[in-house]
PDB file of N, CA and C in Angstrom:
ATOM      1  N   MET A   1    -112.758  98.135 114.663  1.00  0.00           N
ATOM      2  CA  MET A   1    -113.393  96.948 114.135  1.00  0.00           C
ATOM      3  C   MET A   1    -112.719  96.577 112.815  1.00  0.00           C
ATOM      4  N   SER A   2    -112.695  95.310 112.512  1.00  0.00           N
ATOM      5  CA  SER A   2    -112.041  94.833 111.294  1.00  0.00           C
ATOM      6  C   SER A   2    -112.990  94.919 110.102  1.00  0.00           C
ATOM      7  N   ALA A   3    -112.452  94.664 108.921  1.00  0.00           N
ATOM      8  CA  ALA A   3    -113.257  94.684 107.698  1.00  0.00           C
ATOM      9  C   ALA A   3    -114.213  93.481 107.687  1.00  0.00           C
ATOM     10  N   GLU A   4    -115.256  93.577 106.881  1.00  0.00           N
ATOM     11  CA  GLU A   4    -116.222  92.471 106.802  1.00  0.00           C
ATOM     12  C   GLU A   4    -115.539  91.226 106.244  1.00  0.00           C
ATOM     13  N   HIS A   5    -115.801  90.109 106.882  1.00  0.00           N
ATOM     14  CA  HIS A   5    -115.232  88.839 106.461  1.00  0.00           C
ATOM     15  C   HIS A   5    -116.128  87.691 106.923  1.00  0.00           C
ATOM     16  N   THR A   6    -115.783  86.478 106.521  1.00  0.00           N
ATOM     17  CA  THR A   6    -116.519  85.282 106.906  1.00  0.00           C
ATOM     18  C   THR A   6    -115.549  84.299 107.543  1.00  0.00           C
ATOM     19  N   ASN A   7    -115.911  83.792 108.721  1.00  0.00           N
ATOM     20  CA  ASN A   7    -115.112  82.776 109.403  1.00  0.00           C
ATOM     21  C   ASN A   7    -115.978  81.552 109.653  1.00  0.00           C
ATOM     22  N   THR A   8    -115.358  80.383 109.573  1.00  0.00           N
ATOM     23  CA  THR A   8    -116.041  79.126 109.861  1.00  0.00           C
ATOM     24  C   THR A   8    -115.395  78.501 111.088  1.00  0.00           C
ATOM     25  N   TYR A   9    -116.240  78.064 112.028  1.00  0.00           N
ATOM     26  CA  TYR A   9    -115.778  77.458 113.278  1.00  0.00           C
ATOM     27  C   TYR A   9    -116.330  76.047 113.377  1.00  0.00           C
ATOM     28  N   LEU A  10    -115.509  75.107 113.785  1.00  0.00           N
ATOM     29  CA  LEU A  10    -115.943  73.752 114.063  1.00  0.00           C
ATOM     30  C   LEU A  10    -116.272  73.699 115.550  1.00  0.00           C
ATOM     31  N   VAL A  11    -117.531  73.394 115.853  1.00  0.00           N
ATOM     32  CA  VAL A  11    -118.012  73.447 117.229  1.00  0.00           C
ATOM     33  C   VAL A  11    -118.497  72.063 117.637  1.00  0.00           C
ATOM     34  N   GLY A  12    -117.678  71.366 118.388  1.00  0.00           N
ATOM     35  CA  GLY A  12    -118.049  70.024 118.840  1.00  0.00           C
ATOM     36  C   GLY A  12    -119.095  70.062 119.931  1.00  0.00           C
ATOM     37  N   GLY A  13    -119.874  68.988 120.011  1.00  0.00           N
ATOM     38  CA  GLY A  13    -120.858  68.867 121.079  1.00  0.00           C
ATOM     39  C   GLY A  13    -122.256  69.324 120.730  1.00  0.00           C
ATOM     40  N   MET A  14    -122.423  70.032 119.639  1.00  0.00           N
ATOM     41  CA  MET A  14    -123.772  70.455 119.250  1.00  0.00           C
ATOM     42  C   MET A  14    -124.515  69.259 118.675  1.00  0.00           C
ATOM     43  N   SER A  15    -125.739  69.006 119.184  1.00  0.00           N
ATOM     44  CA  SER A  15    -126.467  67.833 118.714  1.00  0.00           C
ATOM     45  C   SER A  15    -127.962  68.041 118.547  1.00  0.00           C
ATOM     46  N   CYS A  16    -128.465  69.223 118.905  1.00  0.00           N
ATOM     47  CA  CYS A  16    -129.921  69.420 118.839  1.00  0.00           C
ATOM     48  C   CYS A  16    -130.253  70.886 118.547  1.00  0.00           C
ATOM     49  N   ASP A  17    -131.543  71.147 118.379  1.00  0.00           N
ATOM     50  CA  ASP A  17    -131.995  72.508 118.098  1.00  0.00           C
ATOM     51  C   ASP A  17    -131.646  73.463 119.236  1.00  0.00           C
ATOM     52  N   HIS A  18    -131.690  72.974 120.471  1.00  0.00           N
ATOM     53  CA  HIS A  18    -131.340  73.825 121.616  1.00  0.00           C
ATOM     54  C   HIS A  18    -129.879  74.249 121.532  1.00  0.00           C
ATOM     55  N   CYS A  19    -128.999  73.316 121.153  1.00  0.00           N
ATOM     56  CA  CYS A  19    -127.577  73.629 120.994  1.00  0.00           C
ATOM     57  C   CYS A  19    -127.398  74.711 119.934  1.00  0.00           C
ATOM     58  N   GLU A  20    -128.067  74.513 118.819  1.00  0.00           N
ATOM     59  CA  GLU A  20    -127.990  75.476 117.714  1.00  0.00           C
ATOM     60  C   GLU A  20    -128.453  76.854 118.165  1.00  0.00           C
ATOM     61  N   ALA A  21    -129.580  76.896 118.855  1.00  0.00           N
ATOM     62  CA  ALA A  21    -130.130  78.177 119.314  1.00  0.00           C
ATOM     63  C   ALA A  21    -129.203  78.850 120.322  1.00  0.00           C
ATOM     64  N   ALA A  22    -128.603  78.070 121.222  1.00  0.00           N
ATOM     65  CA  ALA A  22    -127.710  78.642 122.238  1.00  0.00           C
ATOM     66  C   ALA A  22    -126.514  79.317 121.580  1.00  0.00           C
ATOM     67  N   VAL A  23    -125.912  78.637 120.605  1.00  0.00           N
ATOM     68  CA  VAL A  23    -124.764  79.209 119.908  1.00  0.00           C
ATOM     69  C   VAL A  23    -125.188  80.431 119.102  1.00  0.00           C
ATOM     70  N   ARG A  24    -126.277  80.296 118.352  1.00  0.00           N
ATOM     71  CA  ARG A  24    -126.761  81.405 117.516  1.00  0.00           C
ATOM     72  C   ARG A  24    -127.071  82.637 118.369  1.00  0.00           C
ATOM     73  N   ASP A  25    -127.737  82.437 119.489  1.00  0.00           N
ATOM     74  CA  ASP A  25    -128.116  83.562 120.356  1.00  0.00           C
ATOM     75  C   ASP A  25    -126.899  84.285 120.913  1.00  0.00           C
ATOM     76  N   GLN A  26    -125.884  83.541 121.326  1.00  0.00           N
ATOM     77  CA  GLN A  26    -124.682  84.171 121.879  1.00  0.00           C
ATOM     78  C   GLN A  26    -123.907  84.934 120.809  1.00  0.00           C
ATOM     79  N   VAL A  27    -123.745  84.326 119.633  1.00  0.00           N
ATOM     80  CA  VAL A  27    -122.998  84.993 118.561  1.00  0.00           C
ATOM     81  C   VAL A  27    -123.760  86.217 118.054  1.00  0.00           C
ATOM     82  N   ALA A  28    -125.080  86.139 118.045  1.00  0.00           N
ATOM     83  CA  ALA A  28    -125.902  87.256 117.563  1.00  0.00           C
ATOM     84  C   ALA A  28    -125.747  88.507 118.432  1.00  0.00           C
ATOM     85  N   LYS A  29    -125.306  88.344 119.665  1.00  0.00           N
ATOM     86  CA  LYS A  29    -125.116  89.487 120.566  1.00  0.00           C
ATOM     87  C   LYS A  29    -123.898  90.337 120.192  1.00  0.00           C
ATOM     88  N   ILE A  30    -123.049  89.815 119.317  1.00  0.00           N
ATOM     89  CA  ILE A  30    -121.814  90.514 118.952  1.00  0.00           C
ATOM     90  C   ILE A  30    -122.119  91.601 117.932  1.00  0.00           C
ATOM     91  N   GLY A  31    -121.743  92.814 118.249  1.00  0.00           N
ATOM     92  CA  GLY A  31    -121.914  93.919 117.310  1.00  0.00           C
ATOM     93  C   GLY A  31    -121.111  93.666 116.049  1.00  0.00           C
ATOM     94  N   GLY A  32    -121.702  93.934 114.903  1.00  0.00           N
ATOM     95  CA  GLY A  32    -121.011  93.771 113.635  1.00  0.00           C
ATOM     96  C   GLY A  32    -121.296  92.458 112.930  1.00  0.00           C
ATOM     97  N   VAL A  33    -121.869  91.486 113.653  1.00  0.00           N
ATOM     98  CA  VAL A  33    -122.222  90.213 113.025  1.00  0.00           C
ATOM     99  C   VAL A  33    -123.455  90.421 112.158  1.00  0.00           C
ATOM    100  N   LYS A  34    -123.354  90.040 110.888  1.00  0.00           N
ATOM    101  CA  LYS A  34    -124.461  90.243 109.950  1.00  0.00           C
ATOM    102  C   LYS A  34    -125.208  88.965 109.622  1.00  0.00           C
ATOM    103  N   ALA A  35    -124.535  87.808 109.707  1.00  0.00           N
ATOM    104  CA  ALA A  35    -125.186  86.536 109.395  1.00  0.00           C
ATOM    105  C   ALA A  35    -124.512  85.415 110.172  1.00  0.00           C
ATOM    106  N   ILE A  36    -125.340  84.458 110.601  1.00  0.00           N
ATOM    107  CA  ILE A  36    -124.849  83.282 111.321  1.00  0.00           C
ATOM    108  C   ILE A  36    -125.545  82.069 110.722  1.00  0.00           C
ATOM    109  N   ASP A  37    -124.752  81.077 110.334  1.00  0.00           N
ATOM    110  CA  ASP A  37    -125.312  79.831 109.822  1.00  0.00           C
ATOM    111  C   ASP A  37    -124.760  78.702 110.678  1.00  0.00           C
ATOM    112  N   VAL A  38    -125.659  77.980 111.356  1.00  0.00           N
ATOM    113  CA  VAL A  38    -125.260  76.866 112.208  1.00  0.00           C
ATOM    114  C   VAL A  38    -125.731  75.578 111.549  1.00  0.00           C
ATOM    115  N   ASP A  39    -124.793  74.665 111.293  1.00  0.00           N
ATOM    116  CA  ASP A  39    -125.113  73.381 110.668  1.00  0.00           C
ATOM    117  C   ASP A  39    -124.787  72.267 111.658  1.00  0.00           C
ATOM    118  N   LEU A  40    -125.841  71.662 112.229  1.00  0.00           N
ATOM    119  CA  LEU A  40    -125.638  70.612 113.221  1.00  0.00           C
ATOM    120  C   LEU A  40    -124.949  69.391 112.633  1.00  0.00           C
ATOM    121  N   ALA A  41    -125.265  69.031 111.400  1.00  0.00           N
ATOM    122  CA  ALA A  41    -124.699  67.834 110.787  1.00  0.00           C
ATOM    123  C   ALA A  41    -123.172  67.919 110.679  1.00  0.00           C
ATOM    124  N   SER A  42    -122.675  69.067 110.250  1.00  0.00           N
ATOM    125  CA  SER A  42    -121.227  69.230 110.084  1.00  0.00           C
ATOM    126  C   SER A  42    -120.565  69.843 111.314  1.00  0.00           C
ATOM    127  N   LYS A  43    -121.379  70.263 112.292  1.00  0.00           N
ATOM    128  CA  LYS A  43    -120.880  70.933 113.511  1.00  0.00           C
ATOM    129  C   LYS A  43    -120.171  72.243 113.188  1.00  0.00           C
ATOM    130  N   GLN A  44    -120.589  72.895 112.093  1.00  0.00           N
ATOM    131  CA  GLN A  44    -119.951  74.144 111.682  1.00  0.00           C
ATOM    132  C   GLN A  44    -120.842  75.349 111.961  1.00  0.00           C
ATOM    133  N   VAL A  45    -120.185  76.425 112.355  1.00  0.00           N
ATOM    134  CA  VAL A  45    -120.840  77.714 112.528  1.00  0.00           C
ATOM    135  C   VAL A  45    -120.110  78.693 111.614  1.00  0.00           C
ATOM    136  N   VAL A  46    -120.846  79.282 110.692  1.00  0.00           N
ATOM    137  CA  VAL A  46    -120.272  80.243 109.750  1.00  0.00           C
ATOM    138  C   VAL A  46    -120.790  81.622 110.148  1.00  0.00           C
ATOM    139  N   VAL A  47    -119.865  82.556 110.373  1.00  0.00           N
ATOM    140  CA  VAL A  47    -120.217  83.902 110.821  1.00  0.00           C
ATOM    141  C   VAL A  47    -119.694  84.900 109.792  1.00  0.00           C
ATOM    142  N   ARG A  48    -120.589  85.835 109.385  1.00  0.00           N
ATOM    143  CA  ARG A  48    -120.204  86.865 108.428  1.00  0.00           C
ATOM    144  C   ARG A  48    -120.456  88.226 109.035  1.00  0.00           C
ATOM    145  N   GLY A  49    -119.531  89.154 108.798  1.00  0.00           N
ATOM    146  CA  GLY A  49    -119.702  90.524 109.276  1.00  0.00           C
ATOM    147  C   GLY A  49    -118.369  91.131 109.651  1.00  0.00           C
ATOM    148  N   GLU A  50    -118.433  92.114 110.527  1.00  0.00           N
ATOM    149  CA  GLU A  50    -117.241  92.798 111.042  1.00  0.00           C
ATOM    150  C   GLU A  50    -117.136  92.464 112.521  1.00  0.00           C
ATOM    151  N   PHE A  51    -116.212  91.571 112.860  1.00  0.00           N
ATOM    152  CA  PHE A  51    -116.073  91.088 114.223  1.00  0.00           C
ATOM    153  C   PHE A  51    -114.654  90.590 114.433  1.00  0.00           C
ATOM    154  N   GLU A  52    -114.301  90.428 115.679  1.00  0.00           N
ATOM    155  CA  GLU A  52    -112.999  89.869 116.042  1.00  0.00           C
ATOM    156  C   GLU A  52    -113.174  88.374 116.302  1.00  0.00           C
ATOM    157  N   ASP A  53    -112.245  87.584 115.826  1.00  0.00           N
ATOM    158  CA  ASP A  53    -112.290  86.136 115.992  1.00  0.00           C
ATOM    159  C   ASP A  53    -112.413  85.742 117.461  1.00  0.00           C
ATOM    160  N   ALA A  54    -111.632  86.362 118.310  1.00  0.00           N
ATOM    161  CA  ALA A  54    -111.645  86.033 119.735  1.00  0.00           C
ATOM    162  C   ALA A  54    -113.013  86.289 120.363  1.00  0.00           C
ATOM    163  N   THR A  55    -113.718  87.297 119.876  1.00  0.00           N
ATOM    164  CA  THR A  55    -115.036  87.625 120.403  1.00  0.00           C
ATOM    165  C   THR A  55    -116.036  86.528 120.056  1.00  0.00           C
ATOM    166  N   VAL A  56    -115.962  86.007 118.834  1.00  0.00           N
ATOM    167  CA  VAL A  56    -116.855  84.916 118.434  1.00  0.00           C
ATOM    168  C   VAL A  56    -116.530  83.661 119.237  1.00  0.00           C
ATOM    169  N   ARG A  57    -115.253  83.362 119.384  1.00  0.00           N
ATOM    170  CA  ARG A  57    -114.863  82.188 120.166  1.00  0.00           C
ATOM    171  C   ARG A  57    -115.357  82.303 121.617  1.00  0.00           C
ATOM    172  N   ALA A  58    -115.290  83.491 122.185  1.00  0.00           N
ATOM    173  CA  ALA A  58    -115.769  83.710 123.560  1.00  0.00           C
ATOM    174  C   ALA A  58    -117.288  83.541 123.625  1.00  0.00           C
ATOM    175  N   ALA A  59    -118.008  83.986 122.611  1.00  0.00           N
ATOM    176  CA  ALA A  59    -119.463  83.840 122.589  1.00  0.00           C
ATOM    177  C   ALA A  59    -119.850  82.367 122.498  1.00  0.00           C
ATOM    178  N   ILE A  60    -119.134  81.614 121.680  1.00  0.00           N
ATOM    179  CA  ILE A  60    -119.398  80.174 121.569  1.00  0.00           C
ATOM    180  C   ILE A  60    -119.103  79.486 122.897  1.00  0.00           C
ATOM    181  N   ALA A  61    -118.022  79.898 123.562  1.00  0.00           N
ATOM    182  CA  ALA A  61    -117.690  79.350 124.870  1.00  0.00           C
ATOM    183  C   ALA A  61    -118.772  79.693 125.899  1.00  0.00           C
ATOM    184  N   ALA A  62    -119.327  80.903 125.809  1.00  0.00           N
ATOM    185  CA  ALA A  62    -120.395  81.311 126.722  1.00  0.00           C
ATOM    186  C   ALA A  62    -121.648  80.462 126.535  1.00  0.00           C
ATOM    187  N   ALA A  63    -121.811  79.917 125.330  1.00  0.00           N
ATOM    188  CA  ALA A  63    -122.953  79.033 125.056  1.00  0.00           C
ATOM    189  C   ALA A  63    -122.664  77.612 125.551  1.00  0.00           C
ATOM    190  N   GLY A  64    -121.420  77.365 125.962  1.00  0.00           N
ATOM    191  CA  GLY A  64    -121.064  76.063 126.514  1.00  0.00           C
ATOM    192  C   GLY A  64    -120.315  75.143 125.579  1.00  0.00           C
ATOM    193  N   TYR A  65    -119.724  75.697 124.520  1.00  0.00           N
ATOM    194  CA  TYR A  65    -119.045  74.874 123.513  1.00  0.00           C
ATOM    195  C   TYR A  65    -117.657  75.440 123.229  1.00  0.00           C
ATOM    196  N   ASP A  66    -116.819  74.600 122.635  1.00  0.00           N
ATOM    197  CA  ASP A  66    -115.482  75.028 122.206  1.00  0.00           C
ATOM    198  C   ASP A  66    -115.455  75.155 120.696  1.00  0.00           C
ATOM    199  N   ALA A  67    -114.842  76.205 120.200  1.00  0.00           N
ATOM    200  CA  ALA A  67    -114.739  76.428 118.753  1.00  0.00           C
ATOM    201  C   ALA A  67    -113.321  76.142 118.295  1.00  0.00           C
ATOM    202  N   ALA A  68    -113.203  75.309 117.283  1.00  0.00           N
ATOM    203  CA  ALA A  68    -111.892  75.015 116.690  1.00  0.00           C
ATOM    204  C   ALA A  68    -111.724  75.798 115.420  1.00  0.00           C
TER     205      ALA A  68
END
């Protein structure tokens, strides 16, 4: 596992509380994630902890969205 860090992802298509919850729930399943902040207005998801970037991107994809 990598050292603790913070990554920000631009996630298009999120527009409601359900979208936010879907992304948050999928990312929360990743071991090592300590905090998740989803901002619908800016379409940003900020993840803090010890995780691999590809794993977060896959979790966002599993929720039905693409992360830039």
